[in-house]
Amino acid sequence: MSGEESAQSTRPPAREPLAAELRARGLRLTSQRQRVLAVVSALEHGTPEEIGARLRADAGPDGAAPDTSTVYRTLELLERLGLVWHTHLGKGAPIYHAGQQHRHVHVACQSCGEISSVDPTVLDAAAERLGAELGFTLDVGHVALSGTCRACAEKENA
């Protein structure tokens, strides 16, 4: 990917949804908040460390990039605003994705680490059973299933 394409992919998204949410809560729209949200959208699924690394890479050698604790605080704020969501895939840091993406279940391969998104209706039967038996409402936005992807399974069987 060229430097220009990288800059294009992490350019801040339309300012209005973020600006409106921040103004409604008496907060300022900062370039740092815009940049973090843009990187989350560009990565689709990223840990705070990956988001920070992308911000540093996009800033270049002389550019300013937020430290990891600032990235975490910004992600927490953006999540409270409903602009990003996080999911825990097991051990390690959570992954974040943009809130405007459709709700989905995360499927993570334990062998290669690939993360796929599937429609939450795949869990309809389980959600209904949990509701009927336990009175439990499943939040599919935070569901992560781990296993082995097709490619890794084929390698293991070969």
Protein backbone atom coordinates (compact mmCIF):
# COMPACT_ATOMS: atom_id res chain seq x y z
CA MET A 1 0.00 0.00 0.00
CA SER A 2 1.45 3.41 -0.90
CA GLY A 3 1.76 6.24 1.61
CA GLU A 4 -1.05 8.06 -0.15
CA GLU A 5 -3.33 5.00 0.03
CA SER A 6 -2.47 4.58 3.73
CA ALA A 7 -3.36 8.20 4.41
CA GLN A 8 -6.57 7.77 2.44
CA SER A 9 -7.57 4.67 4.39
CA THR A 10 -7.17 6.36 7.76
CA ARG A 11 -8.49 9.76 6.89
CA PRO A 12 -11.15 10.77 9.43
CA PRO A 13 -14.65 9.63 8.47
CA ALA A 14 -17.43 12.14 8.08
CA ARG A 15 -17.08 14.47 11.05
CA GLU A 16 -20.75 15.03 11.71
CA PRO A 17 -21.71 11.83 13.60
CA LEU A 18 -18.66 12.13 15.84
CA ALA A 19 -18.98 15.91 16.21
CA ALA A 20 -22.70 15.68 17.03
CA GLU A 21 -22.15 12.97 19.66
CA LEU A 22 -19.34 14.90 21.29
CA ARG A 23 -21.23 18.23 21.27
CA ALA A 24 -24.31 16.55 22.79
CA ARG A 25 -22.14 15.54 25.74
CA GLY A 26 -20.30 18.85 26.03
CA LEU A 27 -17.05 17.40 24.64
CA ARG A 28 -14.70 18.74 22.00
CA LEU A 29 -14.02 17.22 18.60
CA THR A 30 -10.27 16.72 18.55
CA SER A 31 -8.13 15.57 15.67
CA GLN A 32 -6.90 12.74 17.87
CA ARG A 33 -10.44 11.42 18.41
CA GLN A 34 -11.09 11.67 14.68
CA ARG A 35 -7.85 9.84 13.87
CA VAL A 36 -8.51 6.99 16.32
CA LEU A 37 -12.01 6.49 14.91
CA ALA A 38 -10.66 6.56 11.34
CA VAL A 39 -8.02 3.92 12.15
CA VAL A 40 -10.58 1.67 13.85
CA SER A 41 -12.74 1.89 10.72
CA ALA A 42 -9.79 1.22 8.41
CA LEU A 43 -8.53 -1.80 10.37
CA GLU A 44 -12.02 -3.32 10.78
CA HIS A 45 -10.76 -5.33 13.79
CA GLY A 46 -7.83 -3.99 15.81
CA THR A 47 -6.36 -4.07 19.29
CA PRO A 48 -5.44 -0.81 20.98
CA GLU A 49 -1.79 -1.64 20.29
CA GLU A 50 -2.48 -2.18 16.57
CA ILE A 51 -4.47 1.06 16.46
CA GLY A 52 -1.61 2.94 18.15
CA ALA A 53 0.93 1.41 15.78
CA ARG A 54 -1.12 2.52 12.76
CA LEU A 55 -1.45 6.03 14.20
CA ARG A 56 2.33 6.20 14.69
CA ALA A 57 2.99 4.86 11.18
CA ASP A 58 0.57 7.35 9.63
CA ALA A 59 2.11 10.22 11.61
CA GLY A 60 5.53 9.55 10.07
CA PRO A 61 8.88 10.10 11.78
CA ASP A 62 8.17 13.71 12.75
CA GLY A 63 4.43 13.45 13.37
CA ALA A 64 2.74 13.32 16.73
CA ALA A 65 0.90 10.15 17.68
CA PRO A 66 -0.90 9.39 20.92
CA ASP A 67 0.64 6.99 23.42
CA THR A 68 -1.07 3.68 24.19
CA SER A 69 -2.85 4.95 27.31
CA THR A 70 -4.35 7.83 25.31
CA VAL A 71 -5.51 5.36 22.65
CA TYR A 72 -7.21 3.26 25.35
CA ARG A 73 -8.92 6.33 26.88
CA THR A 74 -10.07 7.52 23.46
CA LEU A 75 -11.45 4.06 22.61
CA GLU A 76 -13.34 3.98 25.93
CA LEU A 77 -14.88 7.37 25.17
CA LEU A 78 -15.80 6.37 21.61
CA GLU A 79 -17.39 3.19 22.94
CA ARG A 80 -19.47 5.12 25.49
CA LEU A 81 -20.66 7.23 22.55
CA GLY A 82 -21.61 4.09 20.62
CA LEU A 83 -19.13 4.81 17.84
CA VAL A 84 -16.95 1.73 18.43
CA TRP A 85 -17.52 -1.68 20.04
CA HIS A 86 -15.07 -4.08 21.58
CA THR A 87 -14.94 -7.85 21.84
CA HIS A 88 -12.64 -10.12 23.78
CA LEU A 89 -11.33 -12.99 21.70
CA GLY A 90 -9.91 -14.84 24.65
CA LYS A 91 -6.49 -14.02 26.01
CA GLY A 92 -4.95 -10.67 25.30
CA ALA A 93 -6.28 -7.25 24.47
CA PRO A 94 -9.82 -6.68 23.19
CA ILE A 95 -10.41 -5.93 19.53
CA TYR A 96 -12.33 -2.85 18.45
CA HIS A 97 -14.47 -2.21 15.41
CA ALA A 98 -16.54 0.72 14.21
CA GLY A 99 -20.02 0.99 15.66
CA GLN A 100 -21.59 1.75 12.29
CA GLN A 101 -20.61 -1.70 11.05
CA HIS A 102 -23.46 -4.19 11.15
CA ARG A 103 -23.68 -6.24 14.33
CA HIS A 104 -21.80 -9.48 13.92
CA VAL A 105 -20.34 -12.47 15.71
CA HIS A 106 -16.56 -12.82 15.67
CA VAL A 107 -15.07 -16.16 14.69
CA ALA A 108 -11.36 -16.43 15.50
CA CYS A 109 -9.00 -19.14 14.31
CA GLN A 110 -6.76 -20.39 17.12
CA SER A 111 -4.13 -21.54 14.61
CA CYS A 112 -3.58 -18.57 12.30
CA GLY A 113 -5.34 -15.81 14.24
CA GLU A 114 -7.65 -14.83 11.38
CA ILE A 115 -10.84 -13.11 12.53
CA SER A 116 -14.00 -13.49 10.48
CA SER A 117 -17.37 -11.87 10.96
CA VAL A 118 -20.60 -13.81 10.62
CA ASP A 119 -24.22 -12.77 10.74
CA PRO A 120 -25.60 -12.98 14.29
CA THR A 121 -28.55 -15.06 13.11
CA VAL A 122 -26.15 -18.02 13.19
CA LEU A 123 -26.75 -17.98 16.95
CA ASP A 124 -30.54 -17.57 16.88
CA ALA A 125 -31.26 -21.09 18.16
CA ALA A 126 -28.73 -20.73 20.99
CA ALA A 127 -30.07 -17.28 21.91
CA GLU A 128 -33.65 -18.60 22.01
CA ARG A 129 -32.63 -21.54 24.18
CA LEU A 130 -30.68 -19.30 26.58
CA GLY A 131 -33.70 -17.03 26.83
CA ALA A 132 -36.15 -19.85 27.43
CA GLU A 133 -34.04 -21.79 29.92
CA LEU A 134 -32.25 -19.01 31.77
CA GLY A 135 -34.09 -15.80 30.92
CA PHE A 136 -30.76 -14.70 29.44
CA THR A 137 -30.53 -12.17 26.60
CA LEU A 138 -27.48 -12.76 24.40
CA ASP A 139 -25.50 -9.70 23.27
CA VAL A 140 -24.14 -10.91 19.94
CA GLY A 141 -22.03 -7.78 19.54
CA HIS A 142 -19.69 -9.15 22.18
CA VAL A 143 -19.71 -12.81 21.15
CA ALA A 144 -16.49 -14.37 19.95
CA LEU A 145 -16.20 -18.00 18.96
CA SER A 146 -12.83 -19.68 18.72
CA GLY A 147 -11.89 -22.73 16.71
CA THR A 148 -10.04 -23.63 13.55
CA CYS A 149 -10.64 -22.05 10.15
CA ARG A 150 -11.11 -24.14 7.01
CA ALA A 151 -7.59 -23.44 5.67
CA CYS A 152 -5.90 -24.47 8.92
CA ALA A 153 -8.09 -27.55 9.25
CA GLU A 154 -7.18 -28.60 5.70
CA LYS A 155 -3.47 -28.15 6.49
CA GLU A 156 -3.83 -30.28 9.62
CA ASN A 157 -5.66 -33.03 7.69
CA ALA A 158 -3.19 -33.03 4.78
